[in-house]
Amino acid sequence: GALASGLPAACPSLLDPAALTDEAARGTLQPVFRGLVRTPARRARAADIAAPAGLGERLAPMDADARREALLSLVLDTVAGVLGHADPLGIDPDRGLLDLGFDSLTAVELRNTLQKATGLRLPVTLLFDHPSSTAVAEHLGSHFAPADGAADGAADRVDDAAAALDELSDADDDELFAFIDRELER
């Protein structure tokens, strides 16, 4: 009868507060229990936040996979800090941030902390536009690296230009004009 009525009903249950706190720390607490458990959010210390210029410099020499891993690590560390988790490794990077326990206040804290860490101007809707740690890291990555293949394309153009210079080093006037005509037609 209680389920059929569609009205809320009291359900006496024996809950273990320590177990709920442990689940909250691991990020596995079910949303229905969030209001029952408070975990103190660990505020990011200045030493925890990378200098914005340093982040770009550290990411620049990395290949795309290493850059993605570094940014995901930054995001997971920040998520863990905002939610008060002891270990960012316990956070599933593909799980929705709202499912992990984020609300409007912690979403703003996440955005502000990542803004300081990256030096980027991030939208207030960051968490809603990019709903998982992986999605946030990919968004950050789009600001620090050329699109996939752009670096390879630039390297190919440099190789083509070097080959063209080699070809033209001993060219006479007619060959130079023919080369220019071919390039203009491309």
N, C-alpha and C. Protein backbone atom coordinates (compact mmCIF):
# COMPACT_ATOMS: atom_id res chain seq x y z
N GLY A 1 0.78 -1.18 0.00
CA GLY A 1 0.00 0.00 0.00
C GLY A 1 0.83 1.27 0.00
N ALA A 2 1.99 1.29 0.74
CA ALA A 2 2.80 2.51 0.83
C ALA A 2 3.37 2.89 -0.52
N LEU A 3 3.79 1.92 -1.31
CA LEU A 3 4.36 2.22 -2.61
C LEU A 3 3.29 2.68 -3.59
N ALA A 4 2.10 2.13 -3.52
CA ALA A 4 1.04 2.46 -4.44
C ALA A 4 0.51 3.87 -4.22
N SER A 5 0.62 4.39 -3.00
CA SER A 5 0.05 5.71 -2.70
C SER A 5 0.84 6.84 -3.35
N GLY A 6 2.13 6.63 -3.61
CA GLY A 6 2.95 7.70 -4.20
C GLY A 6 3.36 8.76 -3.20
N LEU A 7 2.99 8.58 -1.94
CA LEU A 7 3.34 9.54 -0.89
C LEU A 7 4.57 9.04 -0.14
N PRO A 8 5.36 9.97 0.41
CA PRO A 8 6.52 9.53 1.20
C PRO A 8 6.05 8.75 2.43
N ALA A 9 6.85 7.80 2.85
CA ALA A 9 6.53 7.00 4.02
C ALA A 9 7.78 6.81 4.86
N ALA A 10 7.61 6.77 6.16
CA ALA A 10 8.73 6.52 7.06
C ALA A 10 9.12 5.06 6.96
N CYS A 11 10.42 4.82 6.99
CA CYS A 11 10.93 3.46 6.90
C CYS A 11 12.02 3.33 7.95
N PRO A 12 11.69 2.73 9.08
CA PRO A 12 12.72 2.58 10.12
C PRO A 12 13.84 1.67 9.62
N SER A 13 15.08 2.17 9.74
CA SER A 13 16.25 1.42 9.27
C SER A 13 17.39 1.62 10.25
N LEU A 14 18.21 0.63 10.36
CA LEU A 14 19.40 0.71 11.19
C LEU A 14 20.56 1.02 10.25
N LEU A 15 21.17 2.20 10.44
CA LEU A 15 22.27 2.62 9.58
C LEU A 15 23.55 2.70 10.40
N ASP A 16 24.65 2.38 9.76
CA ASP A 16 25.96 2.47 10.39
C ASP A 16 26.63 3.76 9.93
N PRO A 17 26.66 4.79 10.79
CA PRO A 17 27.23 6.08 10.38
C PRO A 17 28.69 5.97 9.93
N ALA A 18 29.48 5.11 10.59
CA ALA A 18 30.88 4.96 10.20
C ALA A 18 30.99 4.38 8.79
N ALA A 19 30.14 3.42 8.48
CA ALA A 19 30.16 2.82 7.14
C ALA A 19 29.74 3.85 6.09
N LEU A 20 28.73 4.66 6.42
CA LEU A 20 28.31 5.70 5.49
C LEU A 20 29.42 6.73 5.26
N THR A 21 30.13 7.10 6.33
CA THR A 21 31.24 8.03 6.22
C THR A 21 32.35 7.45 5.35
N ASP A 22 32.64 6.15 5.53
CA ASP A 22 33.65 5.48 4.71
C ASP A 22 33.24 5.49 3.24
N GLU A 23 31.98 5.20 2.98
CA GLU A 23 31.50 5.21 1.60
C GLU A 23 31.59 6.61 1.00
N ALA A 24 31.27 7.62 1.79
CA ALA A 24 31.36 9.00 1.31
C ALA A 24 32.81 9.34 0.97
N ALA A 25 33.76 8.90 1.80
CA ALA A 25 35.18 9.16 1.56
C ALA A 25 35.66 8.47 0.29
N ARG A 26 35.11 7.30 -0.01
CA ARG A 26 35.49 6.56 -1.22
C ARG A 26 34.72 7.06 -2.45
N GLY A 27 33.70 7.87 -2.25
CA GLY A 27 32.92 8.36 -3.37
C GLY A 27 31.86 7.38 -3.84
N THR A 28 31.51 6.41 -2.99
CA THR A 28 30.54 5.40 -3.38
C THR A 28 29.21 5.53 -2.64
N LEU A 29 29.05 6.61 -1.89
CA LEU A 29 27.82 6.82 -1.13
C LEU A 29 26.65 7.07 -2.07
N GLN A 30 25.57 6.35 -1.88
CA GLN A 30 24.38 6.53 -2.71
C GLN A 30 23.78 7.91 -2.45
N PRO A 31 23.27 8.56 -3.49
CA PRO A 31 22.75 9.92 -3.34
C PRO A 31 21.69 10.08 -2.25
N VAL A 32 20.88 9.06 -2.01
CA VAL A 32 19.82 9.16 -1.02
C VAL A 32 20.38 9.38 0.40
N PHE A 33 21.63 8.98 0.63
CA PHE A 33 22.23 9.10 1.97
C PHE A 33 23.10 10.34 2.14
N ARG A 34 23.28 11.14 1.10
CA ARG A 34 24.20 12.28 1.16
C ARG A 34 23.87 13.26 2.28
N GLY A 35 22.61 13.48 2.54
CA GLY A 35 22.24 14.43 3.58
C GLY A 35 22.49 13.91 4.99
N LEU A 36 22.77 12.62 5.12
CA LEU A 36 23.01 12.02 6.43
C LEU A 36 24.47 12.07 6.85
N VAL A 37 25.37 12.27 5.89
CA VAL A 37 26.80 12.20 6.17
C VAL A 37 27.47 13.49 5.73
N ARG A 38 28.27 14.03 6.60
CA ARG A 38 29.06 15.21 6.25
C ARG A 38 30.53 14.83 6.31
N THR A 39 31.22 15.07 5.22
CA THR A 39 32.66 14.88 5.22
C THR A 39 33.28 16.24 4.99
N PRO A 40 34.25 16.59 5.79
CA PRO A 40 34.85 17.92 5.62
C PRO A 40 35.60 17.99 4.29
N ALA A 41 35.33 19.04 3.56
CA ALA A 41 36.04 19.24 2.29
C ALA A 41 37.45 19.72 2.59
N ARG A 42 38.42 19.10 1.95
CA ARG A 42 39.80 19.53 2.12
C ARG A 42 40.01 20.69 1.18
N ARG A 43 40.32 21.82 1.72
CA ARG A 43 40.55 23.00 0.91
C ARG A 43 41.93 22.89 0.28
N ALA A 44 42.01 23.25 -0.97
CA ALA A 44 43.30 23.21 -1.65
C ALA A 44 44.22 24.26 -1.04
N ARG A 45 45.42 23.83 -0.70
CA ARG A 45 46.42 24.76 -0.18
C ARG A 45 47.15 25.36 -1.37
N ALA A 46 47.77 26.51 -1.15
CA ALA A 46 48.50 27.17 -2.24
C ALA A 46 49.56 26.24 -2.82
N ALA A 47 50.19 25.42 -1.99
CA ALA A 47 51.22 24.51 -2.47
C ALA A 47 50.65 23.40 -3.34
N ASP A 48 49.35 23.12 -3.20
CA ASP A 48 48.71 22.06 -3.99
C ASP A 48 48.38 22.53 -5.40
N ILE A 49 48.37 23.81 -5.61
CA ILE A 49 47.91 24.36 -6.88
C ILE A 49 49.13 24.70 -7.74
N ALA A 50 49.18 24.13 -8.92
CA ALA A 50 50.29 24.37 -9.81
C ALA A 50 50.27 25.82 -10.29
N ALA A 51 51.45 26.39 -10.45
CA ALA A 51 51.52 27.73 -11.01
C ALA A 51 51.04 27.66 -12.46
N PRO A 52 50.11 28.55 -12.86
CA PRO A 52 49.55 28.46 -14.20
C PRO A 52 50.60 28.41 -15.31
N ALA A 53 51.61 29.27 -15.24
CA ALA A 53 52.63 29.26 -16.30
C ALA A 53 53.37 27.93 -16.28
N GLY A 54 53.63 27.39 -15.09
CA GLY A 54 54.36 26.14 -14.97
C GLY A 54 53.59 24.97 -15.55
N LEU A 55 52.28 24.98 -15.46
CA LEU A 55 51.48 23.88 -15.98
C LEU A 55 51.63 23.78 -17.49
N GLY A 56 51.49 24.89 -18.17
CA GLY A 56 51.64 24.90 -19.62
C GLY A 56 53.03 24.46 -20.04
N GLU A 57 54.04 24.92 -19.30
CA GLU A 57 55.43 24.54 -19.61
C GLU A 57 55.65 23.04 -19.38
N ARG A 58 55.04 22.51 -18.32
CA ARG A 58 55.20 21.07 -18.04
C ARG A 58 54.46 20.23 -19.07
N LEU A 59 53.33 20.71 -19.56
CA LEU A 59 52.54 19.95 -20.52
C LEU A 59 53.10 20.02 -21.94
N ALA A 60 53.76 21.12 -22.28
CA ALA A 60 54.20 21.35 -23.67
C ALA A 60 55.05 20.21 -24.25
N PRO A 61 56.05 19.69 -23.53
CA PRO A 61 56.87 18.64 -24.15
C PRO A 61 56.23 17.26 -24.14
N MET A 62 55.11 17.11 -23.48
CA MET A 62 54.46 15.79 -23.36
C MET A 62 53.74 15.41 -24.64
N ASP A 63 53.71 14.10 -24.90
CA ASP A 63 52.88 13.64 -26.01
C ASP A 63 51.42 13.69 -25.57
N ALA A 64 50.51 13.47 -26.48
CA ALA A 64 49.07 13.64 -26.20
C ALA A 64 48.61 12.74 -25.05
N ASP A 65 49.08 11.49 -25.00
CA ASP A 65 48.65 10.58 -23.93
C ASP A 65 49.15 11.03 -22.57
N ALA A 66 50.39 11.44 -22.48
CA ALA A 66 50.95 11.91 -21.20
C ALA A 66 50.25 13.18 -20.75
N ARG A 67 49.95 14.07 -21.70
CA ARG A 67 49.24 15.31 -21.38
C ARG A 67 47.86 15.00 -20.82
N ARG A 68 47.15 14.06 -21.47
CA ARG A 68 45.81 13.65 -20.99
C ARG A 68 45.90 13.08 -19.57
N GLU A 69 46.89 12.23 -19.33
CA GLU A 69 47.06 11.62 -18.00
C GLU A 69 47.36 12.67 -16.94
N ALA A 70 48.23 13.63 -17.26
CA ALA A 70 48.58 14.68 -16.31
C ALA A 70 47.36 15.54 -15.96
N LEU A 71 46.58 15.89 -16.97
CA LEU A 71 45.39 16.71 -16.72
C LEU A 71 44.32 15.93 -15.97
N LEU A 72 44.17 14.65 -16.29
CA LEU A 72 43.20 13.83 -15.56
C LEU A 72 43.62 13.70 -14.11
N SER A 73 44.91 13.54 -13.87
CA SER A 73 45.41 13.46 -12.50
C SER A 73 45.12 14.76 -11.74
N LEU A 74 45.33 15.90 -12.40
CA LEU A 74 45.02 17.19 -11.78
C LEU A 74 43.54 17.28 -11.43
N VAL A 75 42.69 16.88 -12.37
CA VAL A 75 41.24 16.95 -12.13
C VAL A 75 40.85 16.01 -10.99
N LEU A 76 41.33 14.77 -11.01
CA LEU A 76 40.97 13.81 -9.95
C LEU A 76 41.48 14.26 -8.59
N ASP A 77 42.68 14.82 -8.53
CA ASP A 77 43.19 15.36 -7.26
C ASP A 77 42.30 16.49 -6.77
N THR A 78 41.85 17.34 -7.68
CA THR A 78 41.00 18.47 -7.30
C THR A 78 39.63 17.98 -6.86
N VAL A 79 39.06 17.02 -7.59
CA VAL A 79 37.76 16.45 -7.22
C VAL A 79 37.86 15.83 -5.82
N ALA A 80 38.92 15.06 -5.58
CA ALA A 80 39.10 14.43 -4.27
C ALA A 80 39.21 15.49 -3.18
N GLY A 81 39.96 16.55 -3.44
CA GLY A 81 40.12 17.61 -2.45
C GLY A 81 38.82 18.33 -2.14
N VAL A 82 38.05 18.63 -3.16
CA VAL A 82 36.79 19.35 -2.96
C VAL A 82 35.79 18.49 -2.21
N LEU A 83 35.76 17.19 -2.52
CA LEU A 83 34.79 16.30 -1.87
C LEU A 83 35.29 15.74 -0.54
N GLY A 84 36.55 16.00 -0.20
CA GLY A 84 37.09 15.52 1.06
C GLY A 84 37.52 14.07 1.03
N HIS A 85 37.82 13.54 -0.14
CA HIS A 85 38.28 12.16 -0.26
C HIS A 85 39.78 12.10 0.04
N ALA A 86 40.18 11.05 0.72
CA ALA A 86 41.59 10.90 1.05
C ALA A 86 42.42 10.48 -0.15
N ASP A 87 41.84 9.72 -1.07
CA ASP A 87 42.60 9.13 -2.16
C ASP A 87 41.91 9.35 -3.51
N PRO A 88 42.51 10.12 -4.40
CA PRO A 88 41.89 10.34 -5.71
C PRO A 88 41.85 9.08 -6.57
N LEU A 89 42.65 8.08 -6.25
CA LEU A 89 42.65 6.84 -7.03
C LEU A 89 41.35 6.07 -6.88
N GLY A 90 40.59 6.34 -5.83
CA GLY A 90 39.32 5.66 -5.62
C GLY A 90 38.17 6.27 -6.42
N ILE A 91 38.45 7.33 -7.17
CA ILE A 91 37.41 8.01 -7.93
C ILE A 91 37.42 7.49 -9.36
N ASP A 92 36.28 7.03 -9.82
CA ASP A 92 36.13 6.56 -11.20
C ASP A 92 36.10 7.80 -12.10
N PRO A 93 37.08 7.96 -13.00
CA PRO A 93 37.14 9.18 -13.81
C PRO A 93 35.98 9.33 -14.80
N ASP A 94 35.28 8.24 -15.08
CA ASP A 94 34.16 8.31 -16.03
C ASP A 94 32.81 8.43 -15.34
N ARG A 95 32.80 8.36 -14.02
CA ARG A 95 31.55 8.48 -13.27
C ARG A 95 31.13 9.95 -13.23
N GLY A 96 29.86 10.18 -13.33
CA GLY A 96 29.34 11.55 -13.30
C GLY A 96 29.70 12.26 -12.01
N LEU A 97 30.11 13.51 -12.11
CA LEU A 97 30.50 14.26 -10.92
C LEU A 97 29.31 14.50 -10.00
N LEU A 98 28.13 14.67 -10.56
CA LEU A 98 26.94 14.82 -9.71
C LEU A 98 26.68 13.54 -8.93
N ASP A 99 26.94 12.39 -9.55
CA ASP A 99 26.78 11.11 -8.86
C ASP A 99 27.79 10.93 -7.73
N LEU A 100 28.94 11.60 -7.85
CA LEU A 100 29.97 11.52 -6.81
C LEU A 100 29.62 12.37 -5.59
N GLY A 101 28.66 13.28 -5.75
CA GLY A 101 28.26 14.08 -4.61
C GLY A 101 28.39 15.57 -4.81
N PHE A 102 28.71 16.02 -6.01
CA PHE A 102 28.82 17.45 -6.25
C PHE A 102 27.44 18.10 -6.22
N ASP A 103 27.40 19.29 -5.67
CA ASP A 103 26.20 20.13 -5.71
C ASP A 103 26.64 21.48 -6.27
N SER A 104 25.78 22.47 -6.24
CA SER A 104 26.12 23.75 -6.86
C SER A 104 27.31 24.42 -6.18
N LEU A 105 27.41 24.32 -4.87
CA LEU A 105 28.53 24.96 -4.17
C LEU A 105 29.85 24.26 -4.45
N THR A 106 29.85 22.94 -4.41
CA THR A 106 31.10 22.22 -4.67
C THR A 106 31.48 22.31 -6.15
N ALA A 107 30.50 22.46 -7.03
CA ALA A 107 30.79 22.65 -8.46
C ALA A 107 31.55 23.96 -8.67
N VAL A 108 31.13 25.00 -7.97
CA VAL A 108 31.82 26.29 -8.07
C VAL A 108 33.22 26.17 -7.47
N GLU A 109 33.35 25.46 -6.36
CA GLU A 109 34.66 25.28 -5.75
C GLU A 109 35.60 24.51 -6.69
N LEU A 110 35.08 23.48 -7.35
CA LEU A 110 35.87 22.73 -8.31
C LEU A 110 36.34 23.65 -9.43
N ARG A 111 35.43 24.41 -9.99
CA ARG A 111 35.78 25.32 -11.07
C ARG A 111 36.82 26.34 -10.62
N ASN A 112 36.63 26.94 -9.45
CA ASN A 112 37.56 27.96 -8.96
C ASN A 112 38.96 27.38 -8.73
N THR A 113 39.01 26.19 -8.15
CA THR A 113 40.30 25.55 -7.88
C THR A 113 41.01 25.20 -9.18
N LEU A 114 40.27 24.66 -10.14
CA LEU A 114 40.88 24.34 -11.43
C LEU A 114 41.30 25.61 -12.17
N GLN A 115 40.55 26.66 -12.02
CA GLN A 115 40.91 27.94 -12.64
C GLN A 115 42.26 28.42 -12.12
N LYS A 116 42.43 28.34 -10.79
CA LYS A 116 43.71 28.75 -10.18
C LYS A 116 44.85 27.84 -10.63
N ALA A 117 44.58 26.56 -10.71
CA ALA A 117 45.62 25.59 -11.07
C ALA A 117 46.05 25.70 -12.52
N THR A 118 45.14 26.09 -13.39
CA THR A 118 45.43 26.10 -14.82
C THR A 118 45.68 27.49 -15.39
N GLY A 119 45.18 28.51 -14.71
CA GLY A 119 45.27 29.86 -15.25
C GLY A 119 44.25 30.13 -16.34
N LEU A 120 43.34 29.20 -16.54
CA LEU A 120 42.31 29.36 -17.56
C LEU A 120 41.07 30.02 -16.97
N ARG A 121 40.33 30.69 -17.81
CA ARG A 121 39.02 31.22 -17.40
C ARG A 121 38.01 30.15 -17.76
N LEU A 122 37.46 29.51 -16.74
CA LEU A 122 36.54 28.39 -16.95
C LEU A 122 35.11 28.83 -16.71
N PRO A 123 34.15 28.26 -17.45
CA PRO A 123 32.75 28.67 -17.28
C PRO A 123 32.17 28.20 -15.95
N VAL A 124 31.22 28.95 -15.45
CA VAL A 124 30.53 28.57 -14.21
C VAL A 124 29.85 27.22 -14.39
N THR A 125 29.47 26.91 -15.60
CA THR A 125 28.76 25.66 -15.90
C THR A 125 29.72 24.50 -16.23
N LEU A 126 30.97 24.62 -15.85
CA LEU A 126 31.98 23.61 -16.19
C LEU A 126 31.52 22.19 -15.89
N LEU A 127 31.06 21.95 -14.69
CA LEU A 127 30.65 20.61 -14.27
C LEU A 127 29.43 20.12 -15.05
N PHE A 128 28.56 21.01 -15.43
CA PHE A 128 27.35 20.61 -16.15
C PHE A 128 27.63 20.41 -17.64
N ASP A 129 28.58 21.19 -18.17
CA ASP A 129 28.96 21.04 -19.57
C ASP A 129 29.87 19.83 -19.78
N HIS A 130 30.64 19.49 -18.75
CA HIS A 130 31.60 18.38 -18.80
C HIS A 130 31.39 17.54 -17.55
N PRO A 131 30.45 16.60 -17.59
CA PRO A 131 29.92 15.97 -16.38
C PRO A 131 30.78 14.90 -15.71
N SER A 132 31.95 14.57 -16.22
CA SER A 132 32.81 13.59 -15.55
C SER A 132 34.22 14.15 -15.45
N SER A 133 35.04 13.53 -14.64
CA SER A 133 36.44 13.97 -14.50
C SER A 133 37.15 13.87 -15.84
N THR A 134 36.89 12.80 -16.57
CA THR A 134 37.51 12.62 -17.89
C THR A 134 37.10 13.76 -18.82
N ALA A 135 35.82 14.10 -18.83
CA ALA A 135 35.34 15.17 -19.71
C ALA A 135 35.95 16.52 -19.33
N VAL A 136 36.09 16.79 -18.03
CA VAL A 136 36.72 18.04 -17.59
C VAL A 136 38.18 18.07 -18.04
N ALA A 137 38.89 16.96 -17.86
CA ALA A 137 40.30 16.88 -18.27
C ALA A 137 40.44 17.10 -19.78
N GLU A 138 39.54 16.52 -20.56
CA GLU A 138 39.58 16.72 -22.01
C GLU A 138 39.33 18.18 -22.37
N HIS A 139 38.41 18.80 -21.65
CA HIS A 139 38.15 20.22 -21.88
C HIS A 139 39.40 21.05 -21.58
N LEU A 140 40.04 20.77 -20.46
CA LEU A 140 41.27 21.48 -20.12
C LEU A 140 42.34 21.24 -21.17
N GLY A 141 42.44 20.00 -21.62
CA GLY A 141 43.44 19.64 -22.62
C GLY A 141 43.27 20.41 -23.92
N SER A 142 42.04 20.73 -24.26
CA SER A 142 41.80 21.47 -25.50
C SER A 142 42.41 22.87 -25.45
N HIS A 143 42.68 23.37 -24.23
CA HIS A 143 43.29 24.69 -24.08
C HIS A 143 44.82 24.63 -24.06
N PHE A 144 45.38 23.45 -23.79
CA PHE A 144 46.82 23.34 -23.63
C PHE A 144 47.52 22.65 -24.78
N ALA A 145 46.79 22.11 -25.71
CA ALA A 145 47.44 21.37 -26.79
C ALA A 145 46.72 21.61 -28.09
N PRO A 146 47.44 21.49 -29.19
CA PRO A 146 46.76 21.58 -30.47
C PRO A 146 45.83 20.39 -30.63
N ALA A 147 44.83 20.54 -31.47
CA ALA A 147 43.91 19.44 -31.72
C ALA A 147 44.71 18.25 -32.23
N ASP A 148 44.22 17.04 -31.95
CA ASP A 148 44.90 15.83 -32.40
C ASP A 148 45.21 15.93 -33.88
N GLY A 149 46.44 15.64 -34.21
CA GLY A 149 46.85 15.66 -35.60
C GLY A 149 47.40 17.01 -36.05
N ALA A 150 47.11 18.08 -35.35
CA ALA A 150 47.60 19.39 -35.77
C ALA A 150 49.11 19.45 -35.67
N ALA A 151 49.68 18.90 -34.60
CA ALA A 151 51.13 18.91 -34.45
C ALA A 151 51.77 18.05 -35.54
N ASP A 152 51.17 16.89 -35.84
CA ASP A 152 51.70 16.04 -36.90
C ASP A 152 51.62 16.76 -38.24
N GLY A 153 50.54 17.47 -38.50
CA GLY A 153 50.38 18.22 -39.73
C GLY A 153 51.43 19.31 -39.86
N ALA A 154 51.73 19.99 -38.75
CA ALA A 154 52.76 21.03 -38.77
C ALA A 154 54.12 20.42 -39.07
N ALA A 155 54.41 19.27 -38.46
CA ALA A 155 55.69 18.60 -38.72
C ALA A 155 55.78 18.18 -40.18
N ASP A 156 54.68 17.71 -40.76
CA ASP A 156 54.68 17.34 -42.18
C ASP A 156 54.94 18.55 -43.06
N ARG A 157 54.34 19.70 -42.70
CA ARG A 157 54.56 20.91 -43.50
C ARG A 157 56.01 21.37 -43.41
N VAL A 158 56.64 21.23 -42.25
CA VAL A 158 58.05 21.59 -42.10
C VAL A 158 58.90 20.67 -42.97
N ASP A 159 58.60 19.37 -42.94
CA ASP A 159 59.34 18.42 -43.78
C ASP A 159 59.18 18.75 -45.26
N ASP A 160 57.94 19.10 -45.68
CA ASP A 160 57.69 19.47 -47.07
C ASP A 160 58.48 20.72 -47.46
N ALA A 161 58.51 21.70 -46.56
CA ALA A 161 59.24 22.94 -46.84
C ALA A 161 60.74 22.66 -46.95
N ALA A 162 61.27 21.81 -46.08
CA ALA A 162 62.69 21.46 -46.14
C ALA A 162 63.01 20.76 -47.45
N ALA A 163 62.13 19.85 -47.88
CA ALA A 163 62.35 19.15 -49.15
C ALA A 163 62.29 20.14 -50.32
N ALA A 164 61.37 21.09 -50.25
CA ALA A 164 61.26 22.09 -51.32
C ALA A 164 62.50 22.96 -51.37
N LEU A 165 63.05 23.33 -50.21
CA LEU A 165 64.28 24.13 -50.19
C LEU A 165 65.44 23.35 -50.80
N ASP A 166 65.53 22.07 -50.48
CA ASP A 166 66.58 21.23 -51.07
C ASP A 166 66.43 21.19 -52.58
N GLU A 167 65.19 21.07 -53.04
CA GLU A 167 64.91 21.00 -54.47
C GLU A 167 65.30 22.30 -55.17
N LEU A 168 65.10 23.42 -54.49
CA LEU A 168 65.33 24.73 -55.10
C LEU A 168 66.75 25.24 -54.94
N SER A 169 67.55 24.58 -54.12
CA SER A 169 68.89 25.11 -53.85
C SER A 169 69.74 25.24 -55.11
N ASP A 170 69.59 24.35 -56.08
CA ASP A 170 70.37 24.41 -57.32
C ASP A 170 69.50 24.77 -58.52
N ALA A 171 68.32 25.32 -58.28
CA ALA A 171 67.39 25.60 -59.38
C ALA A 171 67.78 26.86 -60.15
N ASP A 172 67.50 26.84 -61.47
CA ASP A 172 67.70 28.05 -62.27
C ASP A 172 66.39 28.85 -62.25
N ASP A 173 66.36 29.97 -62.91
CA ASP A 173 65.17 30.85 -62.89
C ASP A 173 63.92 30.14 -63.38
N ASP A 174 64.03 29.39 -64.47
CA ASP A 174 62.84 28.71 -65.01
C ASP A 174 62.29 27.70 -64.00
N GLU A 175 63.15 26.98 -63.33
CA GLU A 175 62.71 25.99 -62.32
C GLU A 175 62.07 26.69 -61.12
N LEU A 176 62.64 27.84 -60.73
CA LEU A 176 62.05 28.61 -59.61
C LEU A 176 60.64 29.08 -59.96
N PHE A 177 60.46 29.63 -61.17
CA PHE A 177 59.14 30.11 -61.58
C PHE A 177 58.15 28.96 -61.71
N ALA A 178 58.60 27.82 -62.18
CA ALA A 178 57.73 26.64 -62.28
C ALA A 178 57.31 26.18 -60.89
N PHE A 179 58.25 26.21 -59.96
CA PHE A 179 57.92 25.82 -58.57
C PHE A 179 56.88 26.78 -57.99
N ILE A 180 57.08 28.07 -58.20
CA ILE A 180 56.14 29.08 -57.67
C ILE A 180 54.75 28.86 -58.29
N ASP A 181 54.70 28.63 -59.59
CA ASP A 181 53.41 28.38 -60.24
C ASP A 181 52.71 27.16 -59.65
N ARG A 182 53.48 26.08 -59.42
CA ARG A 182 52.88 24.85 -58.83
C ARG A 182 52.33 25.15 -57.43
N GLU A 183 53.06 25.90 -56.65
CA GLU A 183 52.62 26.19 -55.29
C GLU A 183 51.38 27.09 -55.28
N LEU A 184 51.32 28.00 -56.21
CA LEU A 184 50.15 28.90 -56.29
C LEU A 184 48.89 28.14 -56.71
N GLU A 185 49.06 27.09 -57.48
CA GLU A 185 47.91 26.29 -57.93
C GLU A 185 47.39 25.38 -56.84
N ARG A 186 48.18 25.08 -55.82
CA ARG A 186 47.77 24.15 -54.75
C ARG A 186 46.73 24.72 -53.89
